N, C-alpha and C. Protein backbone atom coordinates (compact mmCIF):
# COMPACT_ATOMS: atom_id res chain seq x y z
N MET A 1 28.87 2.96 -11.12
CA MET A 1 27.84 2.79 -10.48
C MET A 1 26.51 3.73 -10.02
N ILE A 2 27.70 5.06 -9.39
CA ILE A 2 26.41 5.65 -8.91
C ILE A 2 27.63 6.42 -8.20
N THR A 3 27.09 7.68 -8.57
CA THR A 3 27.66 8.33 -7.36
C THR A 3 27.76 9.54 -6.41
N GLY A 4 27.89 10.89 -5.46
CA GLY A 4 27.63 11.03 -4.56
C GLY A 4 26.88 12.33 -4.86
N PRO A 5 27.27 13.49 -5.88
CA PRO A 5 26.12 14.06 -6.60
C PRO A 5 24.36 13.09 -6.96
N GLN A 6 24.89 12.05 -7.61
CA GLN A 6 23.80 11.33 -8.30
C GLN A 6 22.55 11.78 -6.69
N MET A 7 23.54 10.41 -5.65
CA MET A 7 22.35 9.93 -4.37
C MET A 7 22.27 12.03 -3.99
N ARG A 8 22.50 12.91 -3.90
CA ARG A 8 22.19 13.71 -3.50
C ARG A 8 21.00 14.38 -4.14
N ALA A 9 21.01 14.22 -5.48
CA ALA A 9 20.22 14.51 -6.20
C ALA A 9 18.78 13.88 -6.39
N ALA A 10 19.02 13.14 -6.82
CA ALA A 10 18.24 11.54 -6.70
C ALA A 10 17.73 12.01 -4.83
N ARG A 11 18.24 11.93 -3.49
CA ARG A 11 17.00 12.16 -2.76
C ARG A 11 16.64 13.52 -2.51
N ALA A 12 16.39 14.46 -3.86
CA ALA A 12 16.37 15.70 -3.65
C ALA A 12 14.71 15.58 -4.57
N LEU A 13 14.99 14.75 -5.57
CA LEU A 13 14.21 14.67 -6.05
C LEU A 13 12.56 13.79 -5.51
N LEU A 14 13.03 12.93 -4.86
CA LEU A 14 12.12 12.01 -4.09
C LEU A 14 11.35 13.26 -2.47
N GLY A 15 12.63 14.78 -2.39
CA GLY A 15 11.90 14.69 -1.01
C GLY A 15 12.20 13.92 -0.30
N ILE A 16 13.17 13.48 0.15
CA ILE A 16 13.67 12.58 1.18
C ILE A 16 14.52 13.42 1.93
N ASP A 17 15.05 13.42 3.33
CA ASP A 17 16.88 12.75 4.41
C ASP A 17 17.13 12.40 4.17
N GLN A 18 18.34 12.56 4.40
CA GLN A 18 19.42 10.79 4.17
C GLN A 18 19.61 9.25 6.14
N LYS A 19 18.68 10.37 6.29
CA LYS A 19 17.85 9.17 7.48
C LYS A 19 16.84 8.46 6.66
N THR A 20 16.23 8.59 6.00
CA THR A 20 15.19 7.97 5.47
C THR A 20 15.37 7.47 4.08
N LEU A 21 16.73 7.29 3.48
CA LEU A 21 16.98 6.84 2.06
C LEU A 21 17.83 5.31 3.33
N ALA A 22 18.44 6.06 4.13
CA ALA A 22 19.21 5.00 5.17
C ALA A 22 18.64 3.63 5.19
N GLU A 23 17.13 4.07 6.47
CA GLU A 23 16.41 3.52 6.31
C GLU A 23 15.47 2.36 5.37
N ALA A 24 15.37 3.14 4.33
CA ALA A 24 14.75 2.05 2.79
C ALA A 24 15.93 1.30 2.75
N ALA A 25 17.22 1.82 2.77
CA ALA A 25 17.97 0.51 2.12
C ALA A 25 18.73 -0.24 3.12
N GLY A 26 17.83 -0.30 4.39
CA GLY A 26 18.53 -0.95 4.90
C GLY A 26 20.43 -1.25 5.81
N VAL A 27 20.60 0.35 5.74
CA VAL A 27 22.34 0.79 5.41
C VAL A 27 21.96 1.69 6.72
N SER A 28 23.22 2.80 7.88
CA SER A 28 23.30 3.18 8.58
C SER A 28 22.57 4.55 8.24
N LEU A 29 23.01 5.17 8.99
CA LEU A 29 22.40 6.87 8.33
C LEU A 29 24.44 7.20 7.94
N PRO A 30 25.45 7.26 9.11
CA PRO A 30 26.75 7.46 8.68
C PRO A 30 26.60 7.02 7.11
N THR A 31 26.93 5.72 6.98
CA THR A 31 26.89 5.07 5.68
C THR A 31 27.00 6.29 4.52
N ILE A 32 25.56 6.62 4.20
CA ILE A 32 25.08 7.23 3.84
C ILE A 32 25.50 8.68 3.76
N GLN A 33 25.98 9.25 4.29
CA GLN A 33 26.34 10.09 4.70
C GLN A 33 28.16 10.38 3.99
N ARG A 34 28.80 9.34 4.08
CA ARG A 34 30.45 9.09 3.70
C ARG A 34 30.33 8.81 2.01
N MET A 35 28.93 8.44 1.77
CA MET A 35 28.72 7.90 0.18
C MET A 35 28.40 9.28 -0.91
N GLU A 36 27.43 10.46 -0.21
CA GLU A 36 26.67 11.67 -0.33
C GLU A 36 28.25 12.05 -0.20
N ALA A 37 29.23 11.98 0.00
CA ALA A 37 30.27 13.06 0.22
C ALA A 37 31.45 13.18 -0.46
N SER A 38 31.28 11.50 -1.13
CA SER A 38 31.81 11.64 -2.59
C SER A 38 31.45 12.14 -3.38
N GLU A 39 32.90 12.66 -4.31
CA GLU A 39 32.07 13.82 -5.72
C GLU A 39 32.22 12.82 -6.93
N GLY A 40 32.83 11.45 -6.88
CA GLY A 40 32.92 10.27 -7.82
C GLY A 40 32.49 9.99 -7.62
N ASN A 41 32.68 7.94 -7.96
CA ASN A 41 31.97 6.88 -7.61
C ASN A 41 32.01 6.63 -6.27
N VAL A 42 31.32 6.07 -5.92
CA VAL A 42 31.17 5.99 -4.91
C VAL A 42 31.71 4.66 -4.36
N ARG A 43 32.14 4.18 -3.79
CA ARG A 43 33.36 3.23 -3.15
C ARG A 43 32.55 2.57 -1.98
N GLY A 44 32.66 1.27 -1.88
CA GLY A 44 31.92 0.72 -0.67
C GLY A 44 31.81 -0.62 -0.62
N VAL A 45 31.72 -1.05 0.01
CA VAL A 45 30.88 -2.23 -0.38
C VAL A 45 30.08 -2.66 -0.83
N VAL A 46 30.16 -3.86 -2.49
CA VAL A 46 28.79 -3.79 -3.20
C VAL A 46 27.65 -3.81 -2.65
N ASP A 47 27.72 -5.08 -1.68
CA ASP A 47 26.18 -5.18 -1.32
C ASP A 47 25.19 -3.88 -0.88
N THR A 48 26.25 -3.16 0.24
CA THR A 48 25.19 -1.89 -0.05
C THR A 48 25.45 -1.11 -0.75
N LEU A 49 26.18 -0.62 -1.88
CA LEU A 49 26.00 0.07 -2.33
C LEU A 49 24.69 -0.90 -3.42
N VAL A 50 24.57 -1.93 -3.90
CA VAL A 50 23.20 -2.31 -4.35
C VAL A 50 21.92 -1.64 -3.68
N LYS A 51 22.01 -1.69 -2.14
CA LYS A 51 20.64 -2.24 -1.42
C LYS A 51 20.32 -0.27 -1.21
N VAL A 52 21.38 0.78 -1.65
CA VAL A 52 20.67 1.54 -2.04
C VAL A 52 21.06 2.22 -3.12
N VAL A 53 20.87 1.39 -4.06
CA VAL A 53 20.64 1.99 -5.29
C VAL A 53 19.46 0.45 -5.96
N ASN A 54 19.06 -0.15 -5.60
CA ASN A 54 17.40 -0.82 -5.43
C ASN A 54 16.47 0.12 -4.38
N ALA A 55 16.54 0.73 -3.43
CA ALA A 55 15.76 1.41 -2.49
C ALA A 55 15.23 2.89 -3.33
N LEU A 56 16.18 3.38 -3.87
CA LEU A 56 15.92 4.51 -5.29
C LEU A 56 15.29 4.47 -6.53
N ASP A 57 15.67 2.45 -6.81
CA ASP A 57 15.03 2.44 -8.01
C ASP A 57 13.15 1.86 -7.32
N ALA A 58 13.51 1.71 -6.16
CA ALA A 58 11.89 1.25 -5.39
C ALA A 58 10.75 2.01 -5.58
N ALA A 59 11.96 3.77 -4.88
CA ALA A 59 10.83 4.23 -5.05
C ALA A 59 10.61 5.16 -6.10
N GLY A 60 10.96 4.69 -7.46
CA GLY A 60 11.09 5.37 -8.49
C GLY A 60 12.00 6.25 -9.22
N ILE A 61 12.64 6.32 -8.87
CA ILE A 61 14.34 6.91 -9.68
C ILE A 61 14.99 5.85 -10.50
N GLU A 62 15.21 6.42 -11.83
CA GLU A 62 16.45 6.06 -12.81
C GLU A 62 17.61 6.92 -12.71
N LEU A 63 19.12 6.11 -11.88
CA LEU A 63 20.28 6.55 -12.41
C LEU A 63 20.51 6.34 -13.85
N ILE A 64 21.14 7.95 -14.62
CA ILE A 64 22.12 8.20 -15.72
C ILE A 64 22.78 7.49 -15.55
N GLY A 65 23.41 6.83 -16.28
CA GLY A 65 24.88 6.35 -16.82
C GLY A 65 25.77 6.90 -17.62
N GLU A 66 26.91 7.94 -17.56
CA GLU A 66 27.67 8.66 -18.48
C GLU A 66 27.68 7.95 -19.85
N ASN A 67 27.22 6.99 -19.85
CA ASN A 67 27.45 6.85 -21.30
C ASN A 67 25.43 5.49 -22.37
N SER A 68 24.67 6.48 -20.87
CA SER A 68 23.95 6.32 -21.02
C SER A 68 23.06 6.98 -22.59
N PRO A 69 22.26 6.05 -23.07
CA PRO A 69 21.18 7.15 -23.96
C PRO A 69 20.16 8.08 -23.55
N SER A 70 20.36 9.39 -23.67
CA SER A 70 20.03 10.67 -23.00
C SER A 70 20.48 11.51 -24.22
N GLN A 71 19.55 12.45 -23.80
CA GLN A 71 19.84 14.41 -24.27
C GLN A 71 21.00 14.67 -24.50
N GLY A 72 21.89 14.82 -23.12
CA GLY A 72 23.17 15.24 -22.67
C GLY A 72 24.32 13.20 -22.52
N SER A 73 25.20 14.08 -22.40
CA SER A 73 26.09 13.08 -22.30
C SER A 73 26.71 12.95 -21.23
N GLY A 74 26.37 13.73 -19.69
CA GLY A 74 26.80 13.22 -18.83
C GLY A 74 25.86 12.64 -18.08
N ARG A 75 25.86 12.24 -16.10
CA ARG A 75 25.17 10.75 -15.55
C ARG A 75 24.91 12.41 -15.18
N GLY A 76 23.48 11.87 -14.34
CA GLY A 76 22.64 11.96 -13.96
C GLY A 76 21.03 10.82 -13.08
N VAL A 77 20.07 11.35 -12.90
CA VAL A 77 18.80 10.93 -12.58
C VAL A 77 17.19 11.57 -12.90
N ARG A 78 16.41 10.61 -13.20
CA ARG A 78 15.48 11.04 -13.70
C ARG A 78 13.92 9.96 -12.73
N PHE A 79 12.86 10.95 -12.97
CA PHE A 79 12.01 9.37 -12.04
C PHE A 79 11.37 8.58 -13.54
N LYS A 80 11.16 7.49 -12.88
CA LYS A 80 11.06 6.27 -13.88
C LYS A 80 10.14 6.18 -14.70
N SER A 81 9.05 6.99 -14.22
CA SER A 81 7.65 7.21 -14.99
C SER A 81 7.90 8.11 -15.50
N ALA A 82 7.32 8.90 -16.62
CA ALA A 82 6.81 10.10 -17.04
C ALA A 82 5.84 11.16 -16.26
N ALA A 83 5.37 10.35 -15.16
CA ALA A 83 4.13 11.55 -14.15
C ALA A 83 5.09 12.45 -13.05
N GLY A 84 6.02 11.86 -12.80
CA GLY A 84 6.91 11.53 -11.31
C GLY A 84 6.98 11.36 -10.66
N ALA A 85 6.71 11.56 -9.48
CA ALA A 85 6.81 11.44 -8.57
C ALA A 85 5.90 9.94 -7.82
N PRO A 86 6.70 9.18 -7.56
CA PRO A 86 5.42 8.09 -7.13
C PRO A 86 4.27 8.77 -6.82
N ALA A 87 2.82 8.62 -6.13
CA ALA A 87 1.95 9.39 -5.65
C ALA A 87 2.34 8.86 -4.92
N ALA A 88 1.35 9.89 -3.82
CA ALA A 88 1.70 9.32 -2.15
C ALA A 88 0.71 8.24 -2.09
N GLU A 89 0.56 8.08 -0.99
CA GLU A 89 -0.63 7.05 0.16
C GLU A 89 -1.78 7.60 -0.11
N PRO A 90 -2.93 7.40 -0.68
CA PRO A 90 -3.90 8.21 0.15
C PRO A 90 -4.19 8.04 1.84
N THR A 91 -5.00 9.24 1.80
CA THR A 91 -5.12 9.18 3.53
C THR A 91 -6.82 9.26 3.57
N GLU A 92 -6.89 8.89 4.52
CA GLU A 92 -8.73 9.22 4.89
C GLU A 92 -9.08 10.36 4.88
N PRO A 93 -9.80 11.20 4.77
CA PRO A 93 -10.34 12.20 4.54
C PRO A 93 -10.84 12.70 5.88
N ARG A 94 -11.06 13.63 6.43
CA ARG A 94 -11.12 13.96 7.73
C ARG A 94 -12.63 14.47 7.95
N SER A 95 -13.37 14.36 9.31
CA SER A 95 -14.64 14.57 9.36
C SER A 95 -14.85 16.18 9.58
N THR A 96 -15.97 16.58 8.40
CA THR A 96 -16.28 17.83 8.32
C THR A 96 -17.29 18.12 10.00
N LYS A 97 -18.32 17.17 10.64
CA LYS A 97 -18.86 17.63 11.65
C LYS A 97 -17.98 18.39 12.40
N ARG A 98 -18.72 18.98 13.59
CA ARG A 98 -17.94 19.80 14.44
C ARG A 98 -18.21 18.83 15.86
N THR A 99 -17.18 18.97 16.30
CA THR A 99 -17.92 17.93 18.22
C THR A 99 -17.97 18.88 18.93
N THR A 100 -18.96 18.87 19.79
CA THR A 100 -18.37 19.95 20.93
C THR A 100 -18.44 18.80 22.20
N ALA A 101 -17.45 18.95 22.60
CA ALA A 101 -16.88 18.23 24.18
C ALA A 101 -17.79 19.14 25.52
N GLY A 102 -18.37 17.85 25.94
CA GLY A 102 -19.14 18.22 27.45
C GLY A 102 -20.08 18.99 27.27
N ARG A 103 -21.53 18.35 25.93
CA ARG A 103 -22.00 18.87 26.06
C ARG A 103 -23.95 17.69 25.79
C-alpha cells in the first residue's frame, strides 16, 4: 500500500513535519515515526494506514505503486495536479499605513 520512503517523500513534497501529518491523519506522532522507519511496505492496522493515505491524498499527493503506469518502474509519490502543491490559503493584505502611538 505505502512504504516508509514514500511517506517521507510525500511529507517532503508537502513541506510538512511528522507532527503535522499525524494531526492531519488523526493518528499519534509515534505511529507516524514508526511507519516512516519502515524500509519496506508499512505494516500496521489497516484503518491507520488508510487514515494516513487519505490525509496525503487530501493534501494533493498521489502514491505511485510498483506496477503503476509511469516512466519508471519503482514506487514513488507526486502531486496529483500538474500545478504542483495546493495553493496556500490567501492571507489578508497588510496595511501600509504607519501608526503613531501616543500622538
